[in-house]
Every structure is written in structure tokens, then in C-alpha cells.
Amino acid sequence: MASGAVDEQIIDDLAVEFPTLNEDYLGTENRYQYAVSFPDEKGFGGYGVVKYDRTTGARRIHQVGDARMPGEAVFVPAAGAAHEDDGYLLTVVSDLKQDASQLLVLDASGLDRIATVHLPHRVSAGLHGSWIPDTALDGTEA
């Protein structure tokens, strides 16, 4: 960071898109990154949400099921968060075979499912989003 230099390197051969992180760490050194994983050219692997640990090199994947494509996983910090990955990931999962979508809530630290909200309408795959807390809108906490 002090030198102002950047580099690029491949860290995984998994096909991913829609990278995100805890935005409290935007522009600073961060340990965790999240993305949407895609099936490989042979159709293996399926869609999922992947978490990368840049310190250990580990990755963890939460598979969302056959023909179900998650959108960008938006990080929502937990109240009183003490660690970079204390929070939640919100992603809209589009069922590519049925006319249905769900909001999936994952624990960002382990990618365990916390909740699934069935939406009344299908949302197109590949949705992008941002988290804006209530306090940012009017200065008071909800």
C-alpha cells in the first residue's frame, strides 16, 4: 500500500463473478472477499456463493442448488461487529427452471444459511445491489 503499486494474480480456477467485500474495508487491506461461483465449461460445480480468505488461501462455497443462480452477494455488517466477516450476505437467487426467486440470507463468517424469503415475483438473474443502513437515510437508528 505504501508504494502505491498494484499487481494481479490468479488465486483460483473457479469461475466467479460479482465480487464483493465488507465495504467498511473498501480501499484498505482486507482479508475476506465474496463472489458468485458458476459451473465450469462441463457444467460441473453448480452456482453458489464463495468466500475467499486471502490470508490462508482457503475458499468455502455455499451451493444454492441445480439451475438456481444467485445475484451479487451484498455484505451487511452485524451490529457491534468485531471482525471483518461479522455480518450477513444477502443474495437474490433466481430459479432458472421456474418463475420464482428467493432472498437468501447467509452468515458471512461460515456461509451457513440463516433465512430464505420467497419473493412474490421472479427477479432476473445477475442482480446487483448495495446495503444502506437506516441511519444513513435520516441520521437516526431504526
C-alpha atoms as a PDB file:
ATOM      1  CA  MET A   1       0.000   0.000   0.000  1.00  0.00           C
ATOM      2  CA  ALA A   2       2.829   2.414   0.812  1.00  0.00           C
ATOM      3  CA  SER A   3       4.421   2.017  -2.620  1.00  0.00           C
ATOM      4  CA  GLY A   4       1.176   2.682  -4.485  1.00  0.00           C
ATOM      5  CA  ALA A   5       1.871  -0.321  -6.718  1.00  0.00           C
ATOM      6  CA  VAL A   6      -0.698  -2.973  -7.552  1.00  0.00           C
ATOM      7  CA  ASP A   7      -0.451  -6.418  -9.041  1.00  0.00           C
ATOM      8  CA  GLU A   8      -2.799  -9.064 -10.313  1.00  0.00           C
ATOM      9  CA  GLN A   9      -2.695 -12.808  -9.832  1.00  0.00           C
ATOM     10  CA  ILE A  10      -4.987 -15.781 -10.323  1.00  0.00           C
ATOM     11  CA  ILE A  11      -5.912 -17.221  -6.933  1.00  0.00           C
ATOM     12  CA  ASP A  12      -8.379 -19.908  -8.053  1.00  0.00           C
ATOM     13  CA  ASP A  13      -9.503 -21.683 -11.216  1.00  0.00           C
ATOM     14  CA  LEU A  14     -13.160 -21.476 -10.165  1.00  0.00           C
ATOM     15  CA  ALA A  15     -15.284 -19.322 -12.496  1.00  0.00           C
ATOM     16  CA  VAL A  16     -16.619 -16.424 -10.403  1.00  0.00           C
ATOM     17  CA  GLU A  17     -18.333 -13.082 -10.950  1.00  0.00           C
ATOM     18  CA  PHE A  18     -19.826 -10.234  -8.910  1.00  0.00           C
ATOM     19  CA  PRO A  19     -17.015  -9.871  -6.319  1.00  0.00           C
ATOM     20  CA  THR A  20     -17.901  -8.087  -3.072  1.00  0.00           C
ATOM     21  CA  LEU A  21     -16.434  -7.404   0.356  1.00  0.00           C
ATOM     22  CA  ASN A  22     -17.287  -5.787   3.645  1.00  0.00           C
ATOM     23  CA  GLU A  23     -17.426  -2.171   2.427  1.00  0.00           C
ATOM     24  CA  ASP A  24     -16.055  -0.940   5.764  1.00  0.00           C
ATOM     25  CA  TYR A  25     -12.744  -2.253   4.326  1.00  0.00           C
ATOM     26  CA  LEU A  26     -13.119  -0.673   0.889  1.00  0.00           C
ATOM     27  CA  GLY A  27      -9.809   0.907  -0.147  1.00  0.00           C
ATOM     28  CA  THR A  28      -7.887  -0.730   2.710  1.00  0.00           C
ATOM     29  CA  GLU A  29      -6.273  -4.098   3.317  1.00  0.00           C
ATOM     30  CA  ASN A  30      -8.956  -6.748   3.680  1.00  0.00           C
ATOM     31  CA  ARG A  31      -8.928 -10.474   4.384  1.00  0.00           C
ATOM     32  CA  TYR A  32     -12.255 -11.742   3.023  1.00  0.00           C
ATOM     33  CA  GLN A  33     -13.852 -11.497  -0.402  1.00  0.00           C
ATOM     34  CA  TYR A  34     -17.114 -12.964  -1.656  1.00  0.00           C
ATOM     35  CA  ALA A  35     -18.327 -13.813  -5.164  1.00  0.00           C
ATOM     36  CA  VAL A  36     -20.834 -15.861  -7.149  1.00  0.00           C
ATOM     37  CA  SER A  37     -19.448 -19.161  -8.473  1.00  0.00           C
ATOM     38  CA  PHE A  38     -20.505 -20.566 -11.839  1.00  0.00           C
ATOM     39  CA  PRO A  39     -20.432 -24.077 -13.283  1.00  0.00           C
ATOM     40  CA  ASP A  40     -17.296 -24.893 -15.309  1.00  0.00           C
ATOM     41  CA  GLU A  41     -17.363 -25.468 -19.083  1.00  0.00           C
ATOM     42  CA  LYS A  42     -18.562 -29.047 -18.486  1.00  0.00           C
ATOM     43  CA  GLY A  43     -21.407 -27.906 -16.231  1.00  0.00           C
ATOM     44  CA  PHE A  44     -19.784 -29.105 -13.004  1.00  0.00           C
ATOM     45  CA  GLY A  45     -19.754 -27.218  -9.739  1.00  0.00           C
ATOM     46  CA  GLY A  46     -23.098 -25.507  -9.982  1.00  0.00           C
ATOM     47  CA  TYR A  47     -23.931 -21.996  -8.844  1.00  0.00           C
ATOM     48  CA  GLY A  48     -23.051 -20.834  -5.371  1.00  0.00           C
ATOM     49  CA  VAL A  49     -21.694 -18.095  -3.155  1.00  0.00           C
ATOM     50  CA  VAL A  50     -17.973 -18.396  -2.492  1.00  0.00           C
ATOM     51  CA  LYS A  51     -15.888 -16.867   0.310  1.00  0.00           C
ATOM     52  CA  TYR A  52     -12.148 -16.396  -0.109  1.00  0.00           C
ATOM     53  CA  ASP A  53      -9.752 -15.987   2.802  1.00  0.00           C
ATOM     54  CA  ARG A  54      -6.809 -14.009   1.424  1.00  0.00           C
ATOM     55  CA  THR A  55      -4.648 -14.806   4.486  1.00  0.00           C
ATOM     56  CA  THR A  56      -4.911 -18.601   4.424  1.00  0.00           C
ATOM     57  CA  GLY A  57      -5.854 -19.068   0.746  1.00  0.00           C
ATOM     58  CA  ALA A  58      -8.914 -21.094   1.775  1.00  0.00           C
ATOM     59  CA  ARG A  59     -12.237 -20.948  -0.021  1.00  0.00           C
ATOM     60  CA  ARG A  60     -15.684 -22.039   1.090  1.00  0.00           C
ATOM     61  CA  ILE A  61     -18.728 -22.426  -1.183  1.00  0.00           C
ATOM     62  CA  HIS A  62     -22.417 -22.370  -0.326  1.00  0.00           C
ATOM     63  CA  GLN A  63     -24.145 -24.248  -3.172  1.00  0.00           C
ATOM     64  CA  VAL A  64     -27.604 -22.871  -3.997  1.00  0.00           C
ATOM     65  CA  GLY A  65     -28.921 -25.829  -5.996  1.00  0.00           C
ATOM     66  CA  ASP A  66     -29.430 -27.011  -9.544  1.00  0.00           C
ATOM     67  CA  ALA A  67     -30.404 -24.287 -12.051  1.00  0.00           C
ATOM     68  CA  ARG A  68     -30.553 -21.661  -9.291  1.00  0.00           C
ATOM     69  CA  MET A  69     -28.379 -18.609  -9.901  1.00  0.00           C
ATOM     70  CA  PRO A  70     -27.515 -16.182  -7.098  1.00  0.00           C
ATOM     71  CA  GLY A  71     -27.021 -12.496  -7.744  1.00  0.00           C
ATOM     72  CA  GLU A  72     -24.303 -10.364  -6.222  1.00  0.00           C
ATOM     73  CA  ALA A  73     -23.932 -11.238  -2.513  1.00  0.00           C
ATOM     74  CA  VAL A  74     -24.206  -7.936  -0.641  1.00  0.00           C
ATOM     75  CA  PHE A  75     -22.373  -7.781   2.709  1.00  0.00           C
ATOM     76  CA  VAL A  76     -24.357  -6.393   5.666  1.00  0.00           C
ATOM     77  CA  PRO A  77     -22.294  -5.778   8.821  1.00  0.00           C
ATOM     78  CA  ALA A  78     -23.685  -7.209  12.055  1.00  0.00           C
ATOM     79  CA  ALA A  79     -24.481  -4.791  14.863  1.00  0.00           C
ATOM     80  CA  GLY A  80     -21.399  -4.469  17.072  1.00  0.00           C
ATOM     81  CA  ALA A  81     -19.209  -6.402  14.615  1.00  0.00           C
ATOM     82  CA  ALA A  82     -15.738  -7.169  15.999  1.00  0.00           C
ATOM     83  CA  HIS A  83     -14.307  -8.983  12.951  1.00  0.00           C
ATOM     84  CA  GLU A  84     -14.231  -8.264   9.229  1.00  0.00           C
ATOM     85  CA  ASP A  85     -16.579 -11.163   8.425  1.00  0.00           C
ATOM     86  CA  ASP A  86     -19.081 -10.475  11.243  1.00  0.00           C
ATOM     87  CA  GLY A  87     -22.200  -9.960   9.196  1.00  0.00           C
ATOM     88  CA  TYR A  88     -24.547 -11.335   6.600  1.00  0.00           C
ATOM     89  CA  LEU A  89     -24.617 -11.890   2.866  1.00  0.00           C
ATOM     90  CA  LEU A  90     -27.852 -11.105   1.036  1.00  0.00           C
ATOM     91  CA  THR A  91     -28.368 -12.554  -2.433  1.00  0.00           C
ATOM     92  CA  VAL A  92     -31.407 -12.940  -4.672  1.00  0.00           C
ATOM     93  CA  VAL A  93     -31.471 -16.461  -6.098  1.00  0.00           C
ATOM     94  CA  SER A  94     -33.269 -16.854  -9.442  1.00  0.00           C
ATOM     95  CA  ASP A  95     -34.674 -20.277 -10.293  1.00  0.00           C
ATOM     96  CA  LEU A  96     -33.740 -20.726 -13.955  1.00  0.00           C
ATOM     97  CA  LYS A  97     -36.341 -23.502 -14.475  1.00  0.00           C
ATOM     98  CA  GLN A  98     -39.301 -21.939 -12.676  1.00  0.00           C
ATOM     99  CA  ASP A  99     -40.758 -18.464 -12.479  1.00  0.00           C
ATOM    100  CA  ALA A 100     -39.529 -17.903  -8.913  1.00  0.00           C
ATOM    101  CA  SER A 101     -36.893 -16.110  -6.836  1.00  0.00           C
ATOM    102  CA  GLN A 102     -35.802 -16.056  -3.211  1.00  0.00           C
ATOM    103  CA  LEU A 103     -33.803 -13.756  -0.987  1.00  0.00           C
ATOM    104  CA  LEU A 104     -31.131 -15.888   0.662  1.00  0.00           C
ATOM    105  CA  VAL A 105     -29.500 -14.676   3.897  1.00  0.00           C
ATOM    106  CA  LEU A 106     -26.159 -16.290   4.783  1.00  0.00           C
ATOM    107  CA  ASP A 107     -23.871 -15.900   7.795  1.00  0.00           C
ATOM    108  CA  ALA A 108     -20.801 -14.266   6.203  1.00  0.00           C
ATOM    109  CA  SER A 109     -18.367 -15.964   8.580  1.00  0.00           C
ATOM    110  CA  GLY A 110     -19.236 -19.566   7.673  1.00  0.00           C
ATOM    111  CA  LEU A 111     -21.707 -19.245   4.766  1.00  0.00           C
ATOM    112  CA  ASP A 112     -24.391 -21.057   6.752  1.00  0.00           C
ATOM    113  CA  ARG A 113     -27.981 -20.331   5.696  1.00  0.00           C
ATOM    114  CA  ILE A 114     -29.833 -18.103   8.148  1.00  0.00           C
ATOM    115  CA  ALA A 115     -33.058 -17.471   6.231  1.00  0.00           C
ATOM    116  CA  THR A 116     -34.804 -17.867   2.898  1.00  0.00           C
ATOM    117  CA  VAL A 117     -37.500 -15.383   1.888  1.00  0.00           C
ATOM    118  CA  HIS A 118     -39.712 -16.475  -1.014  1.00  0.00           C
ATOM    119  CA  LEU A 119     -40.324 -13.438  -3.225  1.00  0.00           C
ATOM    120  CA  PRO A 120     -43.730 -12.813  -4.844  1.00  0.00           C
ATOM    121  CA  HIS A 121     -42.193 -12.317  -8.318  1.00  0.00           C
ATOM    122  CA  ARG A 122     -39.203 -13.645 -10.232  1.00  0.00           C
ATOM    123  CA  VAL A 123     -36.180 -11.339 -10.204  1.00  0.00           C
ATOM    124  CA  SER A 124     -33.829 -11.522 -13.187  1.00  0.00           C
ATOM    125  CA  ALA A 125     -30.556 -13.351 -12.587  1.00  0.00           C
ATOM    126  CA  GLY A 126     -27.438 -11.222 -12.137  1.00  0.00           C
ATOM    127  CA  LEU A 127     -28.949  -8.583  -9.844  1.00  0.00           C
ATOM    128  CA  HIS A 128     -26.516  -6.081  -8.286  1.00  0.00           C
ATOM    129  CA  GLY A 129     -27.172  -4.311  -5.015  1.00  0.00           C
ATOM    130  CA  SER A 130     -25.879  -2.243  -2.123  1.00  0.00           C
ATOM    131  CA  TRP A 131     -26.665  -2.138   1.581  1.00  0.00           C
ATOM    132  CA  ILE A 132     -27.568   1.234   3.059  1.00  0.00           C
ATOM    133  CA  PRO A 133     -28.412   1.177   6.783  1.00  0.00           C
ATOM    134  CA  ASP A 134     -31.418   3.144   8.068  1.00  0.00           C
ATOM    135  CA  THR A 135     -29.078   5.529   9.900  1.00  0.00           C
ATOM    136  CA  ALA A 136     -27.652   6.693   6.574  1.00  0.00           C
ATOM    137  CA  LEU A 137     -31.067   7.913   5.449  1.00  0.00           C
ATOM    138  CA  ASP A 138     -32.150  10.163   8.296  1.00  0.00           C
ATOM    139  CA  GLY A 139     -29.416  10.002  10.927  1.00  0.00           C
ATOM    140  CA  THR A 140     -31.492   8.009  13.407  1.00  0.00           C
ATOM    141  CA  GLU A 141     -31.330   4.297  14.078  1.00  0.00           C
ATOM    142  CA  ALA A 142     -34.371   2.131  13.338  1.00  0.00           C
END
